[in-house]
Amino acid sequence: MIRQLQSHDTTERLGPDDMASLREQQHLEAALIGQAARAERSRGVPGVCSNCSDTCHPCAVYCDEDCRTDHEHRESTLARQGRSR
């Protein structure tokens, strides 16, 4: 008879405090991954606005607050429609 090894869920032995810590760690990791992905998508060529392609400060992503707001609104609309980049 051949036995198959199965991975066991070790979280069933955790207490409520340990489960809360585990969920907090998972949530933090997911948030950091999401933030890194958003930063990578919004990273443009330094000195060029990511929204209007106008020249701006070399370290800036957008030339002004209106461009940032417009770009974020457009990205959130695309995300809600399931067409995010």
PDB file of N, CA and C in Angstrom:
ATOM      1  N   MET A   1       0.826  -1.162   0.000  1.00  0.00           N
ATOM      2  CA  MET A   1       0.000   0.000   0.000  1.00  0.00           C
ATOM      3  C   MET A   1       0.891   1.253   0.000  1.00  0.00           C
ATOM      4  N   ILE A   2       0.585   2.189  -0.905  1.00  0.00           N
ATOM      5  CA  ILE A   2       1.383   3.409  -1.039  1.00  0.00           C
ATOM      6  C   ILE A   2       0.660   4.529  -0.307  1.00  0.00           C
ATOM      7  N   ARG A   3       1.399   5.194   0.543  1.00  0.00           N
ATOM      8  CA  ARG A   3       0.852   6.323   1.290  1.00  0.00           C
ATOM      9  C   ARG A   3       1.205   7.622   0.590  1.00  0.00           C
ATOM     10  N   GLN A   4       0.277   8.497   0.502  1.00  0.00           N
ATOM     11  CA  GLN A   4       0.543   9.813  -0.060  1.00  0.00           C
ATOM     12  C   GLN A   4       0.735  10.787   1.087  1.00  0.00           C
ATOM     13  N   LEU A   5       1.776  11.570   0.975  1.00  0.00           N
ATOM     14  CA  LEU A   5       2.023  12.586   1.992  1.00  0.00           C
ATOM     15  C   LEU A   5       1.149  13.797   1.699  1.00  0.00           C
ATOM     16  N   GLN A   6       0.478  14.253   2.692  1.00  0.00           N
ATOM     17  CA  GLN A   6      -0.367  15.422   2.546  1.00  0.00           C
ATOM     18  C   GLN A   6       0.177  16.521   3.438  1.00  0.00           C
ATOM     19  N   SER A   7       0.114  17.740   2.925  1.00  0.00           N
ATOM     20  CA  SER A   7       0.542  18.849   3.773  1.00  0.00           C
ATOM     21  C   SER A   7      -0.601  19.161   4.745  1.00  0.00           C
ATOM     22  N   HIS A   8      -0.250  19.388   5.960  1.00  0.00           N
ATOM     23  CA  HIS A   8      -1.239  19.651   6.996  1.00  0.00           C
ATOM     24  C   HIS A   8      -1.306  21.139   7.279  1.00  0.00           C
ATOM     25  N   ASP A   9      -2.473  21.605   7.543  1.00  0.00           N
ATOM     26  CA  ASP A   9      -2.687  22.996   7.905  1.00  0.00           C
ATOM     27  C   ASP A   9      -2.292  23.172   9.367  1.00  0.00           C
ATOM     28  N   THR A  10      -1.190  23.868   9.581  1.00  0.00           N
ATOM     29  CA  THR A  10      -0.706  24.044  10.961  1.00  0.00           C
ATOM     30  C   THR A  10      -1.402  25.200  11.668  1.00  0.00           C
ATOM     31  N   THR A  11      -2.197  25.981  10.933  1.00  0.00           N
ATOM     32  CA  THR A  11      -2.867  27.114  11.581  1.00  0.00           C
ATOM     33  C   THR A  11      -3.995  26.667  12.500  1.00  0.00           C
ATOM     34  N   GLU A  12      -4.452  25.430  12.356  1.00  0.00           N
ATOM     35  CA  GLU A  12      -5.537  24.967  13.226  1.00  0.00           C
ATOM     36  C   GLU A  12      -5.104  24.856  14.682  1.00  0.00           C
ATOM     37  N   ARG A  13      -3.810  24.833  14.927  1.00  0.00           N
ATOM     38  CA  ARG A  13      -3.312  24.737  16.300  1.00  0.00           C
ATOM     39  C   ARG A  13      -2.975  26.086  16.908  1.00  0.00           C
ATOM     40  N   LEU A  14      -3.167  27.157  16.155  1.00  0.00           N
ATOM     41  CA  LEU A  14      -2.852  28.492  16.659  1.00  0.00           C
ATOM     42  C   LEU A  14      -3.994  29.023  17.516  1.00  0.00           C
ATOM     43  N   GLY A  15      -3.621  29.769  18.532  1.00  0.00           N
ATOM     44  CA  GLY A  15      -4.613  30.414  19.377  1.00  0.00           C
ATOM     45  C   GLY A  15      -5.118  31.685  18.712  1.00  0.00           C
ATOM     46  N   PRO A  16      -6.095  32.312  19.303  1.00  0.00           N
ATOM     47  CA  PRO A  16      -6.678  33.528  18.717  1.00  0.00           C
ATOM     48  C   PRO A  16      -5.657  34.659  18.516  1.00  0.00           C
ATOM     49  N   ASP A  17      -4.767  34.837  19.482  1.00  0.00           N
ATOM     50  CA  ASP A  17      -3.753  35.892  19.354  1.00  0.00           C
ATOM     51  C   ASP A  17      -2.779  35.584  18.224  1.00  0.00           C
ATOM     52  N   ASP A  18      -2.377  34.315  18.120  1.00  0.00           N
ATOM     53  CA  ASP A  18      -1.460  33.926  17.057  1.00  0.00           C
ATOM     54  C   ASP A  18      -2.123  34.051  15.688  1.00  0.00           C
ATOM     55  N   MET A  19      -3.393  33.703  15.596  1.00  0.00           N
ATOM     56  CA  MET A  19      -4.116  33.844  14.333  1.00  0.00           C
ATOM     57  C   MET A  19      -4.226  35.310  13.939  1.00  0.00           C
ATOM     58  N   ALA A  20      -4.464  36.164  14.918  1.00  0.00           N
ATOM     59  CA  ALA A  20      -4.549  37.598  14.634  1.00  0.00           C
ATOM     60  C   ALA A  20      -3.205  38.115  14.132  1.00  0.00           C
ATOM     61  N   SER A  21      -2.131  37.670  14.738  1.00  0.00           N
ATOM     62  CA  SER A  21      -0.800  38.080  14.294  1.00  0.00           C
ATOM     63  C   SER A  21      -0.497  37.570  12.886  1.00  0.00           C
ATOM     64  N   LEU A  22      -0.892  36.347  12.608  1.00  0.00           N
ATOM     65  CA  LEU A  22      -0.685  35.764  11.286  1.00  0.00           C
ATOM     66  C   LEU A  22      -1.470  36.538  10.231  1.00  0.00           C
ATOM     67  N   ARG A  23      -2.740  36.847  10.513  1.00  0.00           N
ATOM     68  CA  ARG A  23      -3.559  37.604   9.561  1.00  0.00           C
ATOM     69  C   ARG A  23      -3.002  39.011   9.361  1.00  0.00           C
ATOM     70  N   GLU A  24      -2.505  39.616  10.437  1.00  0.00           N
ATOM     71  CA  GLU A  24      -1.911  40.950  10.323  1.00  0.00           C
ATOM     72  C   GLU A  24      -0.681  40.900   9.422  1.00  0.00           C
ATOM     73  N   GLN A  25       0.148  39.886   9.597  1.00  0.00           N
ATOM     74  CA  GLN A  25       1.343  39.725   8.768  1.00  0.00           C
ATOM     75  C   GLN A  25       0.953  39.506   7.299  1.00  0.00           C
ATOM     76  N   GLN A  26      -0.047  38.678   7.054  1.00  0.00           N
ATOM     77  CA  GLN A  26      -0.492  38.427   5.678  1.00  0.00           C
ATOM     78  C   GLN A  26      -1.057  39.694   5.047  1.00  0.00           C
ATOM     79  N   HIS A  27      -1.821  40.446   5.827  1.00  0.00           N
ATOM     80  CA  HIS A  27      -2.398  41.689   5.324  1.00  0.00           C
ATOM     81  C   HIS A  27      -1.297  42.699   4.997  1.00  0.00           C
ATOM     82  N   LEU A  28      -0.309  42.816   5.865  1.00  0.00           N
ATOM     83  CA  LEU A  28       0.795  43.740   5.632  1.00  0.00           C
ATOM     84  C   LEU A  28       1.581  43.350   4.387  1.00  0.00           C
ATOM     85  N   GLU A  29       1.861  42.054   4.224  1.00  0.00           N
ATOM     86  CA  GLU A  29       2.594  41.595   3.045  1.00  0.00           C
ATOM     87  C   GLU A  29       1.811  41.888   1.772  1.00  0.00           C
ATOM     88  N   ALA A  30       0.515  41.658   1.780  1.00  0.00           N
ATOM     89  CA  ALA A  30      -0.312  41.931   0.608  1.00  0.00           C
ATOM     90  C   ALA A  30      -0.338  43.431   0.298  1.00  0.00           C
ATOM     91  N   ALA A  31      -0.417  44.255   1.333  1.00  0.00           N
ATOM     92  CA  ALA A  31      -0.431  45.701   1.135  1.00  0.00           C
ATOM     93  C   ALA A  31       0.900  46.185   0.556  1.00  0.00           C
ATOM     94  N   LEU A  32       2.004  45.650   1.050  1.00  0.00           N
ATOM     95  CA  LEU A  32       3.315  46.048   0.536  1.00  0.00           C
ATOM     96  C   LEU A  32       3.506  45.619  -0.915  1.00  0.00           C
ATOM     97  N   ILE A  33       3.038  44.434  -1.260  1.00  0.00           N
ATOM     98  CA  ILE A  33       3.126  43.965  -2.644  1.00  0.00           C
ATOM     99  C   ILE A  33       2.274  44.841  -3.551  1.00  0.00           C
ATOM    100  N   GLY A  34       1.075  45.170  -3.093  1.00  0.00           N
ATOM    101  CA  GLY A  34       0.198  46.043  -3.869  1.00  0.00           C
ATOM    102  C   GLY A  34       0.779  47.429  -4.055  1.00  0.00           C
ATOM    103  N   GLN A  35       1.358  47.980  -3.010  1.00  0.00           N
ATOM    104  CA  GLN A  35       1.963  49.308  -3.090  1.00  0.00           C
ATOM    105  C   GLN A  35       3.151  49.302  -4.043  1.00  0.00           C
ATOM    106  N   ALA A  36       3.962  48.260  -3.985  1.00  0.00           N
ATOM    107  CA  ALA A  36       5.105  48.160  -4.894  1.00  0.00           C
ATOM    108  C   ALA A  36       4.639  48.068  -6.344  1.00  0.00           C
ATOM    109  N   ALA A  37       3.562  47.332  -6.583  1.00  0.00           N
ATOM    110  CA  ALA A  37       3.019  47.209  -7.944  1.00  0.00           C
ATOM    111  C   ALA A  37       2.473  48.548  -8.433  1.00  0.00           C
ATOM    112  N   ARG A  38       1.754  49.282  -7.560  1.00  0.00           N
ATOM    113  CA  ARG A  38       1.242  50.595  -7.950  1.00  0.00           C
ATOM    114  C   ARG A  38       2.373  51.571  -8.221  1.00  0.00           C
ATOM    115  N   ALA A  39       3.417  51.532  -7.408  1.00  0.00           N
ATOM    116  CA  ALA A  39       4.554  52.425  -7.616  1.00  0.00           C
ATOM    117  C   ALA A  39       5.255  52.105  -8.930  1.00  0.00           C
ATOM    118  N   GLU A  40       5.372  50.841  -9.250  1.00  0.00           N
ATOM    119  CA  GLU A  40       6.020  50.440 -10.504  1.00  0.00           C
ATOM    120  C   GLU A  40       5.198  50.897 -11.712  1.00  0.00           C
ATOM    121  N   ARG A  41       3.875  50.769 -11.632  1.00  0.00           N
ATOM    122  CA  ARG A  41       3.011  51.197 -12.744  1.00  0.00           C
ATOM    123  C   ARG A  41       3.043  52.697 -12.944  1.00  0.00           C
ATOM    124  N   SER A  42       3.156  53.457 -11.859  1.00  0.00           N
ATOM    125  CA  SER A  42       3.103  54.909 -11.971  1.00  0.00           C
ATOM    126  C   SER A  42       4.469  55.537 -12.215  1.00  0.00           C
ATOM    127  N   ARG A  43       5.491  54.720 -12.198  1.00  0.00           N
ATOM    128  CA  ARG A  43       6.839  55.257 -12.394  1.00  0.00           C
ATOM    129  C   ARG A  43       7.010  55.644 -13.858  1.00  0.00           C
ATOM    130  N   GLY A  44       7.284  56.891 -14.092  1.00  0.00           N
ATOM    131  CA  GLY A  44       7.489  57.383 -15.450  1.00  0.00           C
ATOM    132  C   GLY A  44       8.935  57.802 -15.646  1.00  0.00           C
ATOM    133  N   VAL A  45       9.170  58.390 -16.769  1.00  0.00           N
ATOM    134  CA  VAL A  45      10.505  58.899 -17.060  1.00  0.00           C
ATOM    135  C   VAL A  45      10.722  60.127 -16.193  1.00  0.00           C
ATOM    136  N   PRO A  46      11.833  60.205 -15.441  1.00  0.00           N
ATOM    137  CA  PRO A  46      12.069  61.373 -14.591  1.00  0.00           C
ATOM    138  C   PRO A  46      12.092  62.660 -15.404  1.00  0.00           C
ATOM    139  N   GLY A  47      11.390  63.663 -14.910  1.00  0.00           N
ATOM    140  CA  GLY A  47      11.364  64.943 -15.590  1.00  0.00           C
ATOM    141  C   GLY A  47      10.229  65.068 -16.594  1.00  0.00           C
ATOM    142  N   VAL A  48       9.424  64.021 -16.751  1.00  0.00           N
ATOM    143  CA  VAL A  48       8.279  64.051 -17.662  1.00  0.00           C
ATOM    144  C   VAL A  48       7.043  63.633 -16.870  1.00  0.00           C
ATOM    145  N   CYS A  49       5.989  64.430 -16.952  1.00  0.00           N
ATOM    146  CA  CYS A  49       4.749  64.141 -16.233  1.00  0.00           C
ATOM    147  C   CYS A  49       4.140  62.838 -16.741  1.00  0.00           C
ATOM    148  N   SER A  50       3.729  61.979 -15.829  1.00  0.00           N
ATOM    149  CA  SER A  50       3.130  60.695 -16.195  1.00  0.00           C
ATOM    150  C   SER A  50       1.727  60.853 -16.752  1.00  0.00           C
ATOM    151  N   ASN A  51       1.140  62.026 -16.599  1.00  0.00           N
ATOM    152  CA  ASN A  51      -0.219  62.246 -17.078  1.00  0.00           C
ATOM    153  C   ASN A  51      -0.241  62.981 -18.419  1.00  0.00           C
ATOM    154  N   CYS A  52       0.410  64.141 -18.480  1.00  0.00           N
ATOM    155  CA  CYS A  52       0.305  64.983 -19.676  1.00  0.00           C
ATOM    156  C   CYS A  52       1.577  65.007 -20.516  1.00  0.00           C
ATOM    157  N   SER A  53       2.622  64.347 -20.059  1.00  0.00           N
ATOM    158  CA  SER A  53       3.922  64.281 -20.751  1.00  0.00           C
ATOM    159  C   SER A  53       4.616  65.633 -20.850  1.00  0.00           C
ATOM    160  N   ASP A  54       4.217  66.577 -20.029  1.00  0.00           N
ATOM    161  CA  ASP A  54       4.880  67.875 -19.979  1.00  0.00           C
ATOM    162  C   ASP A  54       6.143  67.731 -19.132  1.00  0.00           C
ATOM    163  N   THR A  55       7.093  68.625 -19.298  1.00  0.00           N
ATOM    164  CA  THR A  55       8.317  68.557 -18.497  1.00  0.00           C
ATOM    165  C   THR A  55       8.015  69.028 -17.081  1.00  0.00           C
ATOM    166  N   CYS A  56       8.691  68.419 -16.118  1.00  0.00           N
ATOM    167  CA  CYS A  56       8.523  68.788 -14.717  1.00  0.00           C
ATOM    168  C   CYS A  56       9.842  68.537 -13.997  1.00  0.00           C
ATOM    169  N   HIS A  57       9.825  68.708 -12.702  1.00  0.00           N
ATOM    170  CA  HIS A  57      11.020  68.492 -11.881  1.00  0.00           C
ATOM    171  C   HIS A  57      11.550  67.076 -12.115  1.00  0.00           C
ATOM    172  N   PRO A  58      12.863  66.883 -12.192  1.00  0.00           N
ATOM    173  CA  PRO A  58      13.425  65.549 -12.476  1.00  0.00           C
ATOM    174  C   PRO A  58      12.990  64.448 -11.509  1.00  0.00           C
ATOM    175  N   CYS A  59      12.691  64.784 -10.272  1.00  0.00           N
ATOM    176  CA  CYS A  59      12.284  63.761  -9.298  1.00  0.00           C
ATOM    177  C   CYS A  59      10.764  63.625  -9.203  1.00  0.00           C
ATOM    178  N   ALA A  60      10.026  64.474  -9.896  1.00  0.00           N
ATOM    179  CA  ALA A  60       8.565  64.464  -9.810  1.00  0.00           C
ATOM    180  C   ALA A  60       7.970  63.461 -10.784  1.00  0.00           C
ATOM    181  N   VAL A  61       6.816  62.933 -10.416  1.00  0.00           N
ATOM    182  CA  VAL A  61       6.076  62.024 -11.286  1.00  0.00           C
ATOM    183  C   VAL A  61       5.032  62.811 -12.078  1.00  0.00           C
ATOM    184  N   TYR A  62       4.465  63.849 -11.461  1.00  0.00           N
ATOM    185  CA  TYR A  62       3.459  64.685 -12.099  1.00  0.00           C
ATOM    186  C   TYR A  62       3.913  66.141 -12.064  1.00  0.00           C
ATOM    187  N   CYS A  63       3.443  66.920 -13.036  1.00  0.00           N
ATOM    188  CA  CYS A  63       3.868  68.318 -13.084  1.00  0.00           C
ATOM    189  C   CYS A  63       3.138  69.177 -12.048  1.00  0.00           C
ATOM    190  N   ASP A  64       1.915  68.790 -11.686  1.00  0.00           N
ATOM    191  CA  ASP A  64       1.194  69.519 -10.640  1.00  0.00           C
ATOM    192  C   ASP A  64       0.130  68.622 -10.010  1.00  0.00           C
ATOM    193  N   GLU A  65      -0.559  69.171  -9.024  1.00  0.00           N
ATOM    194  CA  GLU A  65      -1.562  68.415  -8.270  1.00  0.00           C
ATOM    195  C   GLU A  65      -2.744  67.998  -9.151  1.00  0.00           C
ATOM    196  N   ASP A  66      -3.124  68.856 -10.104  1.00  0.00           N
ATOM    197  CA  ASP A  66      -4.255  68.531 -10.982  1.00  0.00           C
ATOM    198  C   ASP A  66      -3.951  67.311 -11.861  1.00  0.00           C
ATOM    199  N   CYS A  67      -2.720  67.228 -12.361  1.00  0.00           N
ATOM    200  CA  CYS A  67      -2.336  66.073 -13.190  1.00  0.00           C
ATOM    201  C   CYS A  67      -2.346  64.791 -12.361  1.00  0.00           C
ATOM    202  N   ARG A  68      -1.868  64.876 -11.136  1.00  0.00           N
ATOM    203  CA  ARG A  68      -1.872  63.698 -10.266  1.00  0.00           C
ATOM    204  C   ARG A  68      -3.304  63.238 -10.009  1.00  0.00           C
ATOM    205  N   THR A  69      -4.180  64.170  -9.661  1.00  0.00           N
ATOM    206  CA  THR A  69      -5.577  63.845  -9.394  1.00  0.00           C
ATOM    207  C   THR A  69      -6.251  63.251 -10.629  1.00  0.00           C
ATOM    208  N   ASP A  70      -6.000  63.847 -11.795  1.00  0.00           N
ATOM    209  CA  ASP A  70      -6.592  63.355 -13.042  1.00  0.00           C
ATOM    210  C   ASP A  70      -6.113  61.941 -13.356  1.00  0.00           C
ATOM    211  N   HIS A  71      -4.830  61.701 -13.200  1.00  0.00           N
ATOM    212  CA  HIS A  71      -4.261  60.377 -13.490  1.00  0.00           C
ATOM    213  C   HIS A  71      -4.799  59.326 -12.518  1.00  0.00           C
ATOM    214  N   GLU A  72      -4.841  59.640 -11.229  1.00  0.00           N
ATOM    215  CA  GLU A  72      -5.351  58.694 -10.233  1.00  0.00           C
ATOM    216  C   GLU A  72      -6.828  58.391 -10.478  1.00  0.00           C
ATOM    217  N   HIS A  73      -7.602  59.409 -10.863  1.00  0.00           N
ATOM    218  CA  HIS A  73      -9.022  59.195 -11.153  1.00  0.00           C
ATOM    219  C   HIS A  73      -9.175  58.256 -12.354  1.00  0.00           C
ATOM    220  N   ARG A  74      -8.404  58.491 -13.395  1.00  0.00           N
ATOM    221  CA  ARG A  74      -8.477  57.648 -14.589  1.00  0.00           C
ATOM    222  C   ARG A  74      -8.059  56.211 -14.275  1.00  0.00           C
ATOM    223  N   GLU A  75      -6.998  56.041 -13.487  1.00  0.00           N
ATOM    224  CA  GLU A  75      -6.538  54.700 -13.105  1.00  0.00           C
ATOM    225  C   GLU A  75      -7.574  53.980 -12.248  1.00  0.00           C
ATOM    226  N   SER A  76      -8.202  54.689 -11.314  1.00  0.00           N
ATOM    227  CA  SER A  76      -9.209  54.041 -10.462  1.00  0.00           C
ATOM    228  C   SER A  76     -10.445  53.658 -11.275  1.00  0.00           C
ATOM    229  N   THR A  77     -10.812  54.482 -12.267  1.00  0.00           N
ATOM    230  CA  THR A  77     -11.938  54.146 -13.142  1.00  0.00           C
ATOM    231  C   THR A  77     -11.632  52.889 -13.943  1.00  0.00           C
ATOM    232  N   LEU A  78     -10.436  52.808 -14.499  1.00  0.00           N
ATOM    233  CA  LEU A  78     -10.039  51.621 -15.248  1.00  0.00           C
ATOM    234  C   LEU A  78     -10.026  50.380 -14.349  1.00  0.00           C
ATOM    235  N   ALA A  79      -9.566  50.537 -13.123  1.00  0.00           N
ATOM    236  CA  ALA A  79      -9.524  49.406 -12.186  1.00  0.00           C
ATOM    237  C   ALA A  79     -10.940  48.927 -11.862  1.00  0.00           C
ATOM    238  N   ARG A  80     -11.866  49.858 -11.656  1.00  0.00           N
ATOM    239  CA  ARG A  80     -13.251  49.476 -11.376  1.00  0.00           C
ATOM    240  C   ARG A  80     -13.876  48.758 -12.559  1.00  0.00           C
ATOM    241  N   GLN A  81     -13.471  49.142 -13.766  1.00  0.00           N
ATOM    242  CA  GLN A  81     -13.994  48.503 -14.979  1.00  0.00           C
ATOM    243  C   GLN A  81     -13.275  47.204 -15.310  1.00  0.00           C
ATOM    244  N   GLY A  82     -12.235  46.886 -14.551  1.00  0.00           N
ATOM    245  CA  GLY A  82     -11.480  45.664 -14.786  1.00  0.00           C
ATOM    246  C   GLY A  82     -10.516  45.769 -15.955  1.00  0.00           C
ATOM    247  N   ARG A  83     -10.158  46.996 -16.309  1.00  0.00           N
ATOM    248  CA  ARG A  83      -9.253  47.203 -17.441  1.00  0.00           C
ATOM    249  C   ARG A  83      -7.954  47.868 -17.020  1.00  0.00           C
ATOM    250  N   SER A  84      -7.549  47.685 -15.768  1.00  0.00           N
ATOM    251  CA  SER A  84      -6.337  48.344 -15.294  1.00  0.00           C
ATOM    252  C   SER A  84      -5.118  47.802 -16.004  1.00  0.00           C
ATOM    253  N   ARG A  85      -4.114  48.644 -16.093  1.00  0.00           N
ATOM    254  CA  ARG A  85      -2.882  48.264 -16.804  1.00  0.00           C
ATOM    255  C   ARG A  85      -1.973  47.457 -15.954  1.00  0.00           C
TER     256      ARG A  85
END
